[in-house]
């Protein structure tokens, strides 16, 4: 069984619609796909229907923006009830917060004489988007000839280390985990960084964190080994995914996947058979 447990659609900052993503997953021989859009569940109904049409197991998910001890992090929620009123209330607030954050980033860019309008970002996001993200801004920067590519935009202008970046911290991590639990889901720390892993993990586990995202396309064997060791030490589940946003933006869909042997405990907890 081949699975990708971290993907994005046009509901947030992905390139393909939920149904297009599922169709592509079928073409590249994936058996299961988790849709984990940023702070929104808007694409999950369409993805679930498409999964039934194409015999692809869809794991409903979300990637929640939050912070722990003042450090930004993302918590993935899996097997969520995406129709829960708790999630609906959160995502409505998140959409507005992400728009305010985008406006602030445009102001910061303008102070550097890099002019992009909100309308440019919204146009790049497209009509299907639910929440705005930095890839939308990166595409607008390319369209406005301020960057040569999305990667260039992040590297020079809007990456985490640059002054135009505004972190999106809608919740404390403990609140994000509680939100996922209330929606019936399992909370997993997305792409944990080694330099903060040991320091932050006890606090997150105390808040109810259930797993770590161990397997990623660019992770070195040493990185995988260390994160796996931390998961084993804290009795946590392990997951993995490509963090796929679109063609040409890193590993292509289907090139990276995890198997049911890699994440058997996670699948057992979600009551999915390999």
C-alpha atoms as a PDB file:
ATOM      1  CA  UNK A   1       0.000   0.000   0.000  1.00  0.00           C
ATOM      2  CA  UNK A   2       1.464   3.358  -1.107  1.00  0.00           C
ATOM      3  CA  UNK A   3       0.385   6.427   0.834  1.00  0.00           C
ATOM      4  CA  UNK A   4       1.115  10.165   0.845  1.00  0.00           C
ATOM      5  CA  UNK A   5      -0.043  11.726   4.103  1.00  0.00           C
ATOM      6  CA  UNK A   6       0.699  15.393   3.422  1.00  0.00           C
ATOM      7  CA  UNK A   7      -0.766  17.153   0.365  1.00  0.00           C
ATOM      8  CA  UNK A   8      -2.382  20.476  -0.492  1.00  0.00           C
ATOM      9  CA  UNK A   9      -5.057  21.575  -2.964  1.00  0.00           C
ATOM     10  CA  UNK A  10      -6.442  24.823  -4.311  1.00  0.00           C
ATOM     11  CA  UNK A  11      -8.524  25.050  -1.133  1.00  0.00           C
ATOM     12  CA  UNK A  12      -5.342  26.469   0.384  1.00  0.00           C
ATOM     13  CA  UNK A  13      -2.075  26.960  -1.522  1.00  0.00           C
ATOM     14  CA  UNK A  14      -1.918  23.932  -3.803  1.00  0.00           C
ATOM     15  CA  UNK A  15      -2.047  24.063  -7.590  1.00  0.00           C
ATOM     16  CA  UNK A  16      -4.637  21.334  -8.282  1.00  0.00           C
ATOM     17  CA  UNK A  17      -8.258  21.147  -7.191  1.00  0.00           C
ATOM     18  CA  UNK A  18      -9.131  18.336  -4.769  1.00  0.00           C
ATOM     19  CA  UNK A  19     -10.604  16.187  -7.544  1.00  0.00           C
ATOM     20  CA  UNK A  20      -7.629  16.842  -9.863  1.00  0.00           C
ATOM     21  CA  UNK A  21      -5.241  15.862  -7.084  1.00  0.00           C
ATOM     22  CA  UNK A  22      -7.093  12.604  -6.482  1.00  0.00           C
ATOM     23  CA  UNK A  23      -7.107  11.856 -10.214  1.00  0.00           C
ATOM     24  CA  UNK A  24      -3.342  12.425 -10.332  1.00  0.00           C
ATOM     25  CA  UNK A  25      -2.885  10.185  -7.287  1.00  0.00           C
ATOM     26  CA  UNK A  26      -4.615   7.411  -9.205  1.00  0.00           C
ATOM     27  CA  UNK A  27      -2.402   7.951 -12.251  1.00  0.00           C
ATOM     28  CA  UNK A  28       0.790   7.731 -10.166  1.00  0.00           C
ATOM     29  CA  UNK A  29      -0.437   4.570  -8.377  1.00  0.00           C
ATOM     30  CA  UNK A  30      -0.994   5.897  -4.878  1.00  0.00           C
ATOM     31  CA  UNK A  31      -3.470   3.882  -2.822  1.00  0.00           C
ATOM     32  CA  UNK A  32      -4.229   6.473  -0.151  1.00  0.00           C
ATOM     33  CA  UNK A  33      -3.955  10.223   0.170  1.00  0.00           C
ATOM     34  CA  UNK A  34      -4.328  12.599   3.087  1.00  0.00           C
ATOM     35  CA  UNK A  35      -5.580  16.063   2.123  1.00  0.00           C
ATOM     36  CA  UNK A  36      -4.065  18.456   4.667  1.00  0.00           C
ATOM     37  CA  UNK A  37      -4.772  21.993   3.508  1.00  0.00           C
ATOM     38  CA  UNK A  38      -3.625  24.922   5.617  1.00  0.00           C
ATOM     39  CA  UNK A  39      -6.246  25.956   8.185  1.00  0.00           C
ATOM     40  CA  UNK A  40      -9.155  24.860   6.022  1.00  0.00           C
ATOM     41  CA  UNK A  41     -11.213  21.756   5.289  1.00  0.00           C
ATOM     42  CA  UNK A  42     -12.963  23.277   2.281  1.00  0.00           C
ATOM     43  CA  UNK A  43     -11.587  20.714  -0.173  1.00  0.00           C
ATOM     44  CA  UNK A  44     -12.376  17.551   1.740  1.00  0.00           C
ATOM     45  CA  UNK A  45     -15.921  16.923   0.554  1.00  0.00           C
ATOM     46  CA  UNK A  46     -14.844  17.100  -3.099  1.00  0.00           C
ATOM     47  CA  UNK A  47     -11.753  14.994  -2.410  1.00  0.00           C
ATOM     48  CA  UNK A  48     -13.764  12.308  -0.619  1.00  0.00           C
ATOM     49  CA  UNK A  49     -16.201  12.010  -3.523  1.00  0.00           C
ATOM     50  CA  UNK A  50     -13.336  11.848  -6.018  1.00  0.00           C
ATOM     51  CA  UNK A  51     -11.655   9.194  -3.889  1.00  0.00           C
ATOM     52  CA  UNK A  52     -14.739   7.014  -4.136  1.00  0.00           C
ATOM     53  CA  UNK A  53     -14.831   7.501  -7.905  1.00  0.00           C
ATOM     54  CA  UNK A  54     -11.171   6.534  -8.353  1.00  0.00           C
ATOM     55  CA  UNK A  55     -10.841   3.916  -5.597  1.00  0.00           C
ATOM     56  CA  UNK A  56      -8.352   6.051  -3.652  1.00  0.00           C
ATOM     57  CA  UNK A  57      -8.567   6.015   0.154  1.00  0.00           C
ATOM     58  CA  UNK A  58      -8.904   9.636   1.307  1.00  0.00           C
ATOM     59  CA  UNK A  59      -7.786  10.450   4.830  1.00  0.00           C
ATOM     60  CA  UNK A  60      -9.442  13.718   5.881  1.00  0.00           C
ATOM     61  CA  UNK A  61      -6.915  16.100   7.379  1.00  0.00           C
ATOM     62  CA  UNK A  62      -5.894  19.657   8.113  1.00  0.00           C
ATOM     63  CA  UNK A  63      -2.612  21.473   8.787  1.00  0.00           C
ATOM     64  CA  UNK A  64      -3.110  23.894  11.666  1.00  0.00           C
ATOM     65  CA  UNK A  65      -0.825  26.906  12.058  1.00  0.00           C
ATOM     66  CA  UNK A  66       0.218  27.479  15.660  1.00  0.00           C
ATOM     67  CA  UNK A  67       3.081  28.228  18.028  1.00  0.00           C
ATOM     68  CA  UNK A  68       4.679  26.522  21.016  1.00  0.00           C
ATOM     69  CA  UNK A  69       6.914  28.446  23.426  1.00  0.00           C
ATOM     70  CA  UNK A  70       6.905  31.307  20.927  1.00  0.00           C
ATOM     71  CA  UNK A  71       8.138  29.126  18.056  1.00  0.00           C
ATOM     72  CA  UNK A  72       5.946  28.675  14.982  1.00  0.00           C
ATOM     73  CA  UNK A  73       4.956  25.118  14.174  1.00  0.00           C
ATOM     74  CA  UNK A  74       2.336  23.216  12.202  1.00  0.00           C
ATOM     75  CA  UNK A  75       0.186  20.435  13.595  1.00  0.00           C
ATOM     76  CA  UNK A  76      -1.427  17.956  11.217  1.00  0.00           C
ATOM     77  CA  UNK A  77      -4.833  16.580  12.129  1.00  0.00           C
ATOM     78  CA  UNK A  78      -5.790  13.193  10.651  1.00  0.00           C
ATOM     79  CA  UNK A  79      -9.064  11.249  10.538  1.00  0.00           C
ATOM     80  CA  UNK A  80     -10.968  14.411  11.450  1.00  0.00           C
ATOM     81  CA  UNK A  81     -14.697  14.966  11.177  1.00  0.00           C
ATOM     82  CA  UNK A  82     -14.363  17.790   8.678  1.00  0.00           C
ATOM     83  CA  UNK A  83     -18.028  18.724   9.080  1.00  0.00           C
ATOM     84  CA  UNK A  84     -17.698  19.408  12.813  1.00  0.00           C
ATOM     85  CA  UNK A  85     -18.928  22.785  14.054  1.00  0.00           C
ATOM     86  CA  UNK A  86     -15.694  23.224  16.008  1.00  0.00           C
ATOM     87  CA  UNK A  87     -13.602  23.067  12.829  1.00  0.00           C
ATOM     88  CA  UNK A  88     -16.046  25.277  10.925  1.00  0.00           C
ATOM     89  CA  UNK A  89     -15.737  28.021  13.535  1.00  0.00           C
ATOM     90  CA  UNK A  90     -11.946  27.797  13.515  1.00  0.00           C
ATOM     91  CA  UNK A  91     -11.530  27.806   9.742  1.00  0.00           C
ATOM     92  CA  UNK A  92     -13.806  30.846   9.363  1.00  0.00           C
ATOM     93  CA  UNK A  93     -11.520  32.808  11.686  1.00  0.00           C
ATOM     94  CA  UNK A  94      -8.414  31.404  10.039  1.00  0.00           C
ATOM     95  CA  UNK A  95      -9.435  32.604   6.583  1.00  0.00           C
ATOM     96  CA  UNK A  96      -9.754  36.188   7.849  1.00  0.00           C
ATOM     97  CA  UNK A  97      -6.515  35.981   9.826  1.00  0.00           C
ATOM     98  CA  UNK A  98      -4.624  34.746   6.781  1.00  0.00           C
ATOM     99  CA  UNK A  99      -5.960  37.641   4.692  1.00  0.00           C
ATOM    100  CA  UNK A 100      -4.841  40.140   7.349  1.00  0.00           C
ATOM    101  CA  UNK A 101      -1.424  38.485   7.434  1.00  0.00           C
ATOM    102  CA  UNK A 102      -1.135  38.730   3.657  1.00  0.00           C
ATOM    103  CA  UNK A 103      -1.956  42.449   3.746  1.00  0.00           C
ATOM    104  CA  UNK A 104       0.798  42.991   6.319  1.00  0.00           C
ATOM    105  CA  UNK A 105       3.291  41.108   4.150  1.00  0.00           C
ATOM    106  CA  UNK A 106       2.391  43.322   1.188  1.00  0.00           C
ATOM    107  CA  UNK A 107       2.989  46.411   3.335  1.00  0.00           C
ATOM    108  CA  UNK A 108       6.404  45.091   4.356  1.00  0.00           C
ATOM    109  CA  UNK A 109       7.302  44.354   0.732  1.00  0.00           C
ATOM    110  CA  UNK A 110       6.162  47.829  -0.317  1.00  0.00           C
ATOM    111  CA  UNK A 111       8.610  49.329   2.189  1.00  0.00           C
ATOM    112  CA  UNK A 112      11.300  47.589   0.133  1.00  0.00           C
ATOM    113  CA  UNK A 113       9.848  49.068  -3.084  1.00  0.00           C
ATOM    114  CA  UNK A 114       8.462  45.682  -4.082  1.00  0.00           C
ATOM    115  CA  UNK A 115       4.902  46.483  -5.097  1.00  0.00           C
ATOM    116  CA  UNK A 116       2.247  43.782  -5.255  1.00  0.00           C
ATOM    117  CA  UNK A 117      -1.484  44.361  -4.820  1.00  0.00           C
ATOM    118  CA  UNK A 118      -3.853  42.163  -2.853  1.00  0.00           C
ATOM    119  CA  UNK A 119      -5.786  41.678  -6.083  1.00  0.00           C
ATOM    120  CA  UNK A 120      -2.670  40.119  -7.633  1.00  0.00           C
ATOM    121  CA  UNK A 121      -2.419  37.571  -4.824  1.00  0.00           C
ATOM    122  CA  UNK A 122      -6.129  36.731  -4.945  1.00  0.00           C
ATOM    123  CA  UNK A 123      -5.922  36.273  -8.729  1.00  0.00           C
ATOM    124  CA  UNK A 124      -3.028  33.832  -8.342  1.00  0.00           C
ATOM    125  CA  UNK A 125      -4.929  31.935  -5.632  1.00  0.00           C
ATOM    126  CA  UNK A 126      -7.862  31.381  -7.972  1.00  0.00           C
ATOM    127  CA  UNK A 127     -11.594  31.119  -7.315  1.00  0.00           C
ATOM    128  CA  UNK A 128     -11.428  27.777  -5.504  1.00  0.00           C
ATOM    129  CA  UNK A 129      -9.118  28.856  -2.717  1.00  0.00           C
ATOM    130  CA  UNK A 130     -10.348  29.063   0.846  1.00  0.00           C
ATOM    131  CA  UNK A 131      -7.271  30.466   2.574  1.00  0.00           C
ATOM    132  CA  UNK A 132      -4.366  32.565   1.309  1.00  0.00           C
ATOM    133  CA  UNK A 133      -0.769  31.428   1.703  1.00  0.00           C
ATOM    134  CA  UNK A 134       2.744  32.467   0.789  1.00  0.00           C
ATOM    135  CA  UNK A 135       2.854  30.370  -2.416  1.00  0.00           C
ATOM    136  CA  UNK A 136       0.059  32.596  -3.752  1.00  0.00           C
ATOM    137  CA  UNK A 137       2.179  35.648  -2.973  1.00  0.00           C
ATOM    138  CA  UNK A 138       5.223  33.985  -4.523  1.00  0.00           C
ATOM    139  CA  UNK A 139       3.310  33.437  -7.768  1.00  0.00           C
ATOM    140  CA  UNK A 140       2.228  37.088  -7.739  1.00  0.00           C
ATOM    141  CA  UNK A 141       5.842  38.161  -7.250  1.00  0.00           C
ATOM    142  CA  UNK A 142       6.821  36.105 -10.288  1.00  0.00           C
ATOM    143  CA  UNK A 143       3.955  37.577 -12.348  1.00  0.00           C
ATOM    144  CA  UNK A 144       5.065  41.070 -11.349  1.00  0.00           C
ATOM    145  CA  UNK A 145       8.676  40.251 -12.347  1.00  0.00           C
ATOM    146  CA  UNK A 146       9.991  40.658  -8.798  1.00  0.00           C
ATOM    147  CA  UNK A 147      11.154  37.032  -8.765  1.00  0.00           C
ATOM    148  CA  UNK A 148      12.195  34.503 -11.386  1.00  0.00           C
ATOM    149  CA  UNK A 149      10.451  31.543  -9.747  1.00  0.00           C
ATOM    150  CA  UNK A 150       8.482  30.551  -6.680  1.00  0.00           C
ATOM    151  CA  UNK A 151      11.691  29.238  -5.129  1.00  0.00           C
ATOM    152  CA  UNK A 152      13.453  32.512  -5.870  1.00  0.00           C
ATOM    153  CA  UNK A 153      10.621  34.453  -4.242  1.00  0.00           C
ATOM    154  CA  UNK A 154      10.957  32.429  -1.047  1.00  0.00           C
ATOM    155  CA  UNK A 155      14.760  32.493  -1.094  1.00  0.00           C
ATOM    156  CA  UNK A 156      15.105  36.259  -1.517  1.00  0.00           C
ATOM    157  CA  UNK A 157      11.880  37.894  -0.392  1.00  0.00           C
ATOM    158  CA  UNK A 158       9.326  35.993   1.708  1.00  0.00           C
ATOM    159  CA  UNK A 159      11.089  33.066   3.350  1.00  0.00           C
ATOM    160  CA  UNK A 160      11.004  32.627   7.103  1.00  0.00           C
ATOM    161  CA  UNK A 161      14.260  34.531   7.554  1.00  0.00           C
ATOM    162  CA  UNK A 162      13.196  37.657   5.635  1.00  0.00           C
ATOM    163  CA  UNK A 163      11.710  40.845   7.034  1.00  0.00           C
ATOM    164  CA  UNK A 164       8.596  40.649   4.843  1.00  0.00           C
ATOM    165  CA  UNK A 165       7.588  37.334   6.370  1.00  0.00           C
ATOM    166  CA  UNK A 166       4.754  37.415   8.881  1.00  0.00           C
ATOM    167  CA  UNK A 167       4.259  34.189  10.805  1.00  0.00           C
ATOM    168  CA  UNK A 168       0.707  32.879  10.943  1.00  0.00           C
ATOM    169  CA  UNK A 169       0.097  31.828  14.541  1.00  0.00           C
ATOM    170  CA  UNK A 170      -3.607  31.478  14.992  1.00  0.00           C
ATOM    171  CA  UNK A 171      -3.462  29.233  18.047  1.00  0.00           C
ATOM    172  CA  UNK A 172      -1.109  27.951  20.673  1.00  0.00           C
ATOM    173  CA  UNK A 173      -0.060  24.397  19.897  1.00  0.00           C
ATOM    174  CA  UNK A 174      -2.052  23.080  22.849  1.00  0.00           C
ATOM    175  CA  UNK A 175      -5.154  24.763  21.390  1.00  0.00           C
ATOM    176  CA  UNK A 176      -4.433  23.328  17.931  1.00  0.00           C
ATOM    177  CA  UNK A 177      -4.148  19.834  19.378  1.00  0.00           C
ATOM    178  CA  UNK A 178      -7.358  20.317  21.356  1.00  0.00           C
ATOM    179  CA  UNK A 179      -9.108  21.502  18.183  1.00  0.00           C
ATOM    180  CA  UNK A 180      -8.036  18.346  16.357  1.00  0.00           C
ATOM    181  CA  UNK A 181      -9.112  16.144  19.254  1.00  0.00           C
ATOM    182  CA  UNK A 182     -12.544  17.789  19.380  1.00  0.00           C
ATOM    183  CA  UNK A 183     -12.918  16.982  15.694  1.00  0.00           C
ATOM    184  CA  UNK A 184     -12.129  13.332  16.458  1.00  0.00           C
ATOM    185  CA  UNK A 185      -8.644  13.440  14.958  1.00  0.00           C
ATOM    186  CA  UNK A 186      -5.055  12.441  15.685  1.00  0.00           C
ATOM    187  CA  UNK A 187      -2.526  15.267  16.122  1.00  0.00           C
ATOM    188  CA  UNK A 188       0.889  14.934  14.432  1.00  0.00           C
ATOM    189  CA  UNK A 189       3.747  17.460  14.396  1.00  0.00           C
ATOM    190  CA  UNK A 190       4.481  18.380  10.769  1.00  0.00           C
ATOM    191  CA  UNK A 191       8.103  18.617   9.554  1.00  0.00           C
ATOM    192  CA  UNK A 192       9.668  18.956  13.026  1.00  0.00           C
ATOM    193  CA  UNK A 193      13.048  20.703  13.015  1.00  0.00           C
ATOM    194  CA  UNK A 194      15.877  18.898  14.787  1.00  0.00           C
ATOM    195  CA  UNK A 195      17.138  22.066  16.482  1.00  0.00           C
ATOM    196  CA  UNK A 196      13.909  22.424  18.468  1.00  0.00           C
ATOM    197  CA  UNK A 197      12.636  18.840  18.523  1.00  0.00           C
ATOM    198  CA  UNK A 198      13.903  17.733  21.919  1.00  0.00           C
ATOM    199  CA  UNK A 199      13.093  21.056  23.566  1.00  0.00           C
ATOM    200  CA  UNK A 200       9.498  21.337  22.378  1.00  0.00           C
ATOM    201  CA  UNK A 201       8.420  17.711  22.177  1.00  0.00           C
ATOM    202  CA  UNK A 202       7.671  17.141  25.899  1.00  0.00           C
ATOM    203  CA  UNK A 203       5.352  20.155  25.973  1.00  0.00           C
ATOM    204  CA  UNK A 204       3.535  19.015  22.834  1.00  0.00           C
ATOM    205  CA  UNK A 205       3.170  15.445  24.097  1.00  0.00           C
ATOM    206  CA  UNK A 206       1.791  16.771  27.379  1.00  0.00           C
ATOM    207  CA  UNK A 207      -0.822  18.640  25.314  1.00  0.00           C
ATOM    208  CA  UNK A 208      -1.883  15.429  23.552  1.00  0.00           C
ATOM    209  CA  UNK A 209       0.390  15.188  20.501  1.00  0.00           C
ATOM    210  CA  UNK A 210       0.098  11.668  19.095  1.00  0.00           C
ATOM    211  CA  UNK A 211       2.716  11.492  16.359  1.00  0.00           C
ATOM    212  CA  UNK A 212       5.681  12.889  14.432  1.00  0.00           C
ATOM    213  CA  UNK A 213       6.048  13.336  10.680  1.00  0.00           C
ATOM    214  CA  UNK A 214       9.232  11.338  10.161  1.00  0.00           C
ATOM    215  CA  UNK A 215       9.441  10.599   6.436  1.00  0.00           C
ATOM    216  CA  UNK A 216       9.817  13.519   4.012  1.00  0.00           C
ATOM    217  CA  UNK A 217      11.355  13.769   0.525  1.00  0.00           C
ATOM    218  CA  UNK A 218      14.339  15.924   1.489  1.00  0.00           C
ATOM    219  CA  UNK A 219      15.040  14.418   4.910  1.00  0.00           C
ATOM    220  CA  UNK A 220      18.483  12.863   5.271  1.00  0.00           C
ATOM    221  CA  UNK A 221      18.817   9.361   6.712  1.00  0.00           C
ATOM    222  CA  UNK A 222      20.283  10.950   9.845  1.00  0.00           C
ATOM    223  CA  UNK A 223      17.271  13.259  10.204  1.00  0.00           C
ATOM    224  CA  UNK A 224      14.876  10.337   9.801  1.00  0.00           C
ATOM    225  CA  UNK A 225      16.823   8.291  12.345  1.00  0.00           C
ATOM    226  CA  UNK A 226      16.754  11.051  14.969  1.00  0.00           C
ATOM    227  CA  UNK A 227      13.055  11.848  14.558  1.00  0.00           C
ATOM    228  CA  UNK A 228      12.175   8.152  14.633  1.00  0.00           C
ATOM    229  CA  UNK A 229      14.213   7.772  17.814  1.00  0.00           C
ATOM    230  CA  UNK A 230      12.339  10.663  19.423  1.00  0.00           C
ATOM    231  CA  UNK A 231       9.029   9.108  18.411  1.00  0.00           C
ATOM    232  CA  UNK A 232      10.024   5.772  19.910  1.00  0.00           C
ATOM    233  CA  UNK A 233      11.257   7.425  23.107  1.00  0.00           C
ATOM    234  CA  UNK A 234       7.922   9.228  23.595  1.00  0.00           C
ATOM    235  CA  UNK A 235       5.765   6.324  22.350  1.00  0.00           C
ATOM    236  CA  UNK A 236       4.488   8.316  19.375  1.00  0.00           C
ATOM    237  CA  UNK A 237       3.141   7.294  15.992  1.00  0.00           C
ATOM    238  CA  UNK A 238       5.227   7.987  12.884  1.00  0.00           C
ATOM    239  CA  UNK A 239       3.891   9.337   9.587  1.00  0.00           C
ATOM    240  CA  UNK A 240       5.281  10.671   6.334  1.00  0.00           C
ATOM    241  CA  UNK A 241       4.282  12.720   3.335  1.00  0.00           C
ATOM    242  CA  UNK A 242       5.544  14.787   0.450  1.00  0.00           C
ATOM    243  CA  UNK A 243       3.989  18.147   1.485  1.00  0.00           C
ATOM    244  CA  UNK A 244       2.960  18.305  -2.163  1.00  0.00           C
ATOM    245  CA  UNK A 245       1.693  21.628  -3.527  1.00  0.00           C
ATOM    246  CA  UNK A 246       2.014  21.200  -7.274  1.00  0.00           C
ATOM    247  CA  UNK A 247       4.069  19.977 -10.247  1.00  0.00           C
ATOM    248  CA  UNK A 248       7.629  21.260 -10.254  1.00  0.00           C
ATOM    249  CA  UNK A 249       7.483  22.329  -6.605  1.00  0.00           C
ATOM    250  CA  UNK A 250       9.676  19.650  -5.073  1.00  0.00           C
ATOM    251  CA  UNK A 251       9.160  15.895  -5.369  1.00  0.00           C
ATOM    252  CA  UNK A 252       6.475  15.014  -7.876  1.00  0.00           C
ATOM    253  CA  UNK A 253       3.364  13.320  -6.560  1.00  0.00           C
ATOM    254  CA  UNK A 254       3.949   9.584  -6.360  1.00  0.00           C
ATOM    255  CA  UNK A 255       7.750   9.835  -6.380  1.00  0.00           C
ATOM    256  CA  UNK A 256       7.710   9.903  -2.594  1.00  0.00           C
ATOM    257  CA  UNK A 257       5.414   7.743  -0.525  1.00  0.00           C
ATOM    258  CA  UNK A 258       5.257   5.707   2.651  1.00  0.00           C
ATOM    259  CA  UNK A 259       4.044   2.130   2.897  1.00  0.00           C
ATOM    260  CA  UNK A 260       1.701   0.433   5.329  1.00  0.00           C
ATOM    261  CA  UNK A 261       4.752  -1.228   6.889  1.00  0.00           C
ATOM    262  CA  UNK A 262       6.316   2.197   7.572  1.00  0.00           C
ATOM    263  CA  UNK A 263       3.247   3.555   9.378  1.00  0.00           C
ATOM    264  CA  UNK A 264       1.345   0.467  10.488  1.00  0.00           C
ATOM    265  CA  UNK A 265       0.489   1.781  13.963  1.00  0.00           C
ATOM    266  CA  UNK A 266      -0.855   5.022  12.508  1.00  0.00           C
ATOM    267  CA  UNK A 267      -3.100   3.079  10.142  1.00  0.00           C
ATOM    268  CA  UNK A 268      -4.266   0.822  12.959  1.00  0.00           C
ATOM    269  CA  UNK A 269      -5.228   3.843  15.019  1.00  0.00           C
ATOM    270  CA  UNK A 270      -7.159   5.253  12.085  1.00  0.00           C
ATOM    271  CA  UNK A 271      -8.753   1.841  11.502  1.00  0.00           C
ATOM    272  CA  UNK A 272      -7.373   1.575   7.956  1.00  0.00           C
ATOM    273  CA  UNK A 273      -6.284  -1.819   6.714  1.00  0.00           C
ATOM    274  CA  UNK A 274      -3.163  -2.126   4.600  1.00  0.00           C
END
